[in-house]
Amino acid sequence: MMIVICRIYTYINVKTVKNRLTKQQQEGLLIKLARAVASVNRAEEGAKFLRDLLSEPEVFMLARRLQIAELLMDGLTYEQIREELNVGYNTIAKVQTWLELYGDGYRTVINRTIKNKVEKNINEPFTKLKRKYPISFWPQLLLEEMIRNANQREKQRLRNVVEGLRNKTQLSRELTKLLAKIN
């Protein structure tokens, strides 16, 4: 019940704010938001930006949509996606529709992330050879280990950001309860 009320309240607020803005103001805000998103250079910056901008459920809702789009592009059926991600058919259908009608943004982002994964896997056979003859490859192995540790540090920073997002959501709930008591 509370979720429904929050969604209605959010919907009304969004509609009210949107109606108060002119078309030109709305476009200006969208451009500013798009530029802000484009200015993000690293995953940690992106995670912090999302944490500051959105609530935890909103972040995971967007992440889930992106994951659904990726699975649809991989050719999975609605049933397979529903079972894997525990989402409803309506959500999958919405993402499918957006992919068909607009989809350029989804495809661009998904193709970039897939490209990064493929580039990492290209050197897999060579890795075994380097491990078999480490003396010949020690400078490269040392650099790779340093990079791997840097990636672990980045993952830890991302975990810290996500934890901050959870704290933000908890704080929001507490503030909502306090405000409800006052009214």
Protein backbone atom coordinates (compact mmCIF):
# COMPACT_ATOMS: atom_id res chain seq x y z
CA MET A 1 0.00 0.00 0.00
CA MET A 2 2.78 2.41 0.96
CA ILE A 3 4.59 1.65 -2.30
CA VAL A 4 1.48 2.46 -4.31
CA ILE A 5 1.02 5.74 -2.44
CA CYS A 6 4.70 6.64 -3.01
CA ARG A 7 4.42 5.85 -6.73
CA ILE A 8 1.26 7.94 -7.03
CA TYR A 9 2.89 10.78 -5.08
CA THR A 10 5.99 10.58 -7.28
CA TYR A 11 3.84 10.46 -10.41
CA ILE A 12 1.84 13.49 -9.29
CA ASN A 13 5.00 15.40 -8.37
CA VAL A 14 6.66 14.57 -11.69
CA LYS A 15 3.52 15.56 -13.60
CA THR A 16 3.19 18.79 -11.58
CA VAL A 17 6.84 19.76 -12.06
CA LYS A 18 6.73 18.86 -15.75
CA ASN A 19 3.55 20.89 -16.27
CA ARG A 20 5.10 23.92 -14.58
CA LEU A 21 8.06 23.88 -16.98
CA THR A 22 7.91 25.16 -20.51
CA LYS A 23 8.94 22.87 -23.35
CA GLN A 24 12.16 24.89 -23.66
CA GLN A 25 12.92 24.49 -19.93
CA GLN A 26 12.30 20.74 -20.14
CA GLU A 27 14.67 20.43 -23.09
CA GLY A 28 17.29 22.51 -21.28
CA LEU A 29 17.07 20.25 -18.22
CA LEU A 30 17.38 17.14 -20.38
CA ILE A 31 20.46 18.54 -22.11
CA LYS A 32 22.06 19.39 -18.76
CA LEU A 33 21.34 15.90 -17.45
CA ALA A 34 22.72 14.29 -20.63
CA ARG A 35 25.90 16.38 -20.36
CA ALA A 36 26.28 15.44 -16.71
CA VAL A 37 25.96 11.74 -17.56
CA ALA A 38 28.41 12.13 -20.46
CA SER A 39 30.97 13.81 -18.20
CA VAL A 40 31.34 10.69 -16.07
CA ASN A 41 34.67 9.01 -16.86
CA ARG A 42 34.96 6.02 -14.54
CA ALA A 43 32.60 3.47 -13.03
CA GLU A 44 33.22 4.86 -9.54
CA GLU A 45 32.22 8.38 -10.66
CA GLY A 46 29.12 6.96 -12.31
CA ALA A 47 28.16 5.04 -9.19
CA LYS A 48 28.59 8.14 -7.03
CA PHE A 49 26.57 10.24 -9.46
CA LEU A 50 23.74 7.70 -9.48
CA ARG A 51 23.87 7.42 -5.68
CA ASP A 52 23.52 11.18 -5.31
CA LEU A 53 20.85 11.55 -7.99
CA LEU A 54 18.59 8.54 -7.42
CA SER A 55 17.26 6.36 -4.63
CA GLU A 56 18.46 2.77 -4.30
CA PRO A 57 15.31 1.24 -5.86
CA GLU A 58 15.54 3.67 -8.79
CA VAL A 59 19.18 2.74 -9.43
CA PHE A 60 18.44 -0.98 -9.42
CA MET A 61 15.31 -0.47 -11.54
CA LEU A 62 17.44 1.23 -14.22
CA ALA A 63 20.17 -1.41 -13.92
CA ARG A 64 17.59 -4.14 -14.33
CA ARG A 65 16.18 -2.49 -17.47
CA LEU A 66 19.66 -2.35 -18.94
CA GLN A 67 20.17 -6.02 -18.11
CA ILE A 68 16.83 -6.92 -19.71
CA ALA A 69 17.82 -5.02 -22.86
CA GLU A 70 21.13 -6.88 -22.99
CA LEU A 71 19.42 -10.26 -22.66
CA LEU A 72 16.84 -9.34 -25.32
CA MET A 73 19.67 -8.33 -27.65
CA ASP A 74 21.33 -11.69 -26.90
CA GLY A 75 18.15 -13.39 -28.16
CA LEU A 76 16.74 -14.75 -24.90
CA THR A 77 13.01 -15.35 -24.72
CA TYR A 78 10.68 -13.53 -22.35
CA GLU A 79 10.36 -16.70 -20.28
CA GLN A 80 14.14 -17.12 -19.96
CA ILE A 81 14.55 -13.48 -18.93
CA ARG A 82 11.67 -13.72 -16.46
CA GLU A 83 13.21 -16.77 -14.81
CA GLU A 84 16.75 -15.36 -14.74
CA LEU A 85 15.92 -11.87 -13.48
CA ASN A 86 12.62 -12.48 -11.67
CA VAL A 87 10.83 -9.72 -13.59
CA GLY A 88 7.35 -9.57 -15.05
CA TYR A 89 6.38 -9.89 -18.68
CA ASN A 90 5.17 -6.28 -18.72
CA THR A 91 8.62 -4.98 -17.77
CA ILE A 92 10.27 -7.10 -20.44
CA ALA A 93 7.69 -5.97 -23.01
CA LYS A 94 8.30 -2.29 -22.17
CA VAL A 95 12.04 -2.67 -22.60
CA GLN A 96 11.48 -4.62 -25.84
CA THR A 97 9.25 -1.82 -27.14
CA TRP A 98 11.79 0.86 -26.21
CA LEU A 99 14.51 -1.15 -27.93
CA GLU A 100 12.43 -1.41 -31.09
CA LEU A 101 11.27 2.21 -31.17
CA TYR A 102 14.33 4.07 -29.88
CA GLY A 103 16.98 1.68 -28.61
CA ASP A 104 20.07 3.56 -29.84
CA GLY A 105 21.11 4.47 -26.30
CA TYR A 106 20.62 0.92 -25.03
CA ARG A 107 22.55 -0.55 -27.95
CA THR A 108 25.42 1.93 -27.65
CA VAL A 109 25.92 1.33 -23.94
CA ILE A 110 25.51 -2.44 -24.19
CA ASN A 111 27.88 -2.72 -27.16
CA ARG A 112 30.52 -0.69 -25.30
CA THR A 113 30.31 -2.90 -22.22
CA ILE A 114 30.37 -6.07 -24.34
CA LYS A 115 33.41 -4.74 -26.25
CA ASN A 116 35.27 -4.28 -22.96
CA LYS A 117 34.44 -7.87 -21.93
CA VAL A 118 35.58 -9.29 -25.28
CA GLU A 119 38.86 -7.37 -25.16
CA LYS A 120 39.60 -8.87 -21.74
CA ASN A 121 38.93 -12.43 -22.97
CA ILE A 122 41.04 -12.17 -26.16
CA ASN A 123 44.31 -12.73 -24.29
CA GLU A 124 43.09 -15.78 -22.35
CA PRO A 125 45.20 -18.45 -24.21
CA PHE A 126 48.29 -16.26 -23.94
CA THR A 127 47.77 -15.98 -20.17
CA LYS A 128 48.43 -19.69 -19.68
CA LEU A 129 51.69 -19.44 -21.60
CA LYS A 130 52.80 -16.48 -19.48
CA ARG A 131 52.06 -18.40 -16.29
CA LYS A 132 53.92 -21.44 -17.59
CA TYR A 133 57.08 -19.38 -18.34
CA PRO A 134 56.91 -16.53 -15.79
CA ILE A 135 60.59 -15.53 -16.01
CA SER A 136 60.18 -14.54 -19.65
CA PHE A 137 57.10 -12.46 -18.91
CA TRP A 138 57.73 -11.12 -15.39
CA PRO A 139 57.46 -7.38 -16.26
CA GLN A 140 54.13 -7.92 -17.98
CA LEU A 141 52.88 -10.19 -15.19
CA LEU A 142 53.84 -7.57 -12.62
CA LEU A 143 51.94 -4.86 -14.51
CA GLU A 144 48.90 -7.09 -14.93
CA GLU A 145 48.89 -7.85 -11.21
CA MET A 146 49.07 -4.14 -10.45
CA ILE A 147 46.15 -3.49 -12.79
CA ARG A 148 44.16 -6.37 -11.28
CA ASN A 149 44.72 -4.93 -7.80
CA ALA A 150 43.71 -1.50 -9.04
CA ASN A 151 40.51 -3.02 -10.40
CA GLN A 152 39.91 -4.65 -7.01
CA ARG A 153 40.37 -1.24 -5.37
CA GLU A 154 37.89 0.22 -7.84
CA LYS A 155 35.44 -2.59 -7.04
CA GLN A 156 35.85 -1.83 -3.34
CA ARG A 157 35.20 1.85 -4.00
CA LEU A 158 32.06 0.88 -5.94
CA ARG A 159 30.94 -1.32 -3.04
CA ASN A 160 31.41 1.68 -0.73
CA VAL A 161 29.28 3.83 -3.03
CA VAL A 162 26.52 1.21 -3.10
CA GLU A 163 26.63 1.02 0.68
CA GLY A 164 26.25 4.81 0.76
CA LEU A 165 23.23 4.44 -1.51
CA ARG A 166 21.67 2.01 0.96
CA ASN A 167 22.36 4.42 3.80
CA LYS A 168 20.75 7.20 1.77
CA THR A 169 17.63 5.08 1.26
CA GLN A 170 17.47 4.24 4.97
CA LEU A 171 17.84 7.92 5.86
CA SER A 172 15.08 8.79 3.41
CA ARG A 173 12.76 6.25 5.05
CA GLU A 174 13.51 7.65 8.50
CA LEU A 175 12.86 11.22 7.32
CA THR A 176 9.57 10.14 5.73
CA LYS A 177 8.48 8.54 9.01
CA LEU A 178 9.39 11.67 10.95
CA LEU A 179 7.52 13.89 8.51
CA ALA A 180 4.47 11.60 8.70
CA LYS A 181 4.46 11.92 12.50
CA ILE A 182 4.59 15.71 12.25
CA ASN A 183 1.59 15.85 9.90
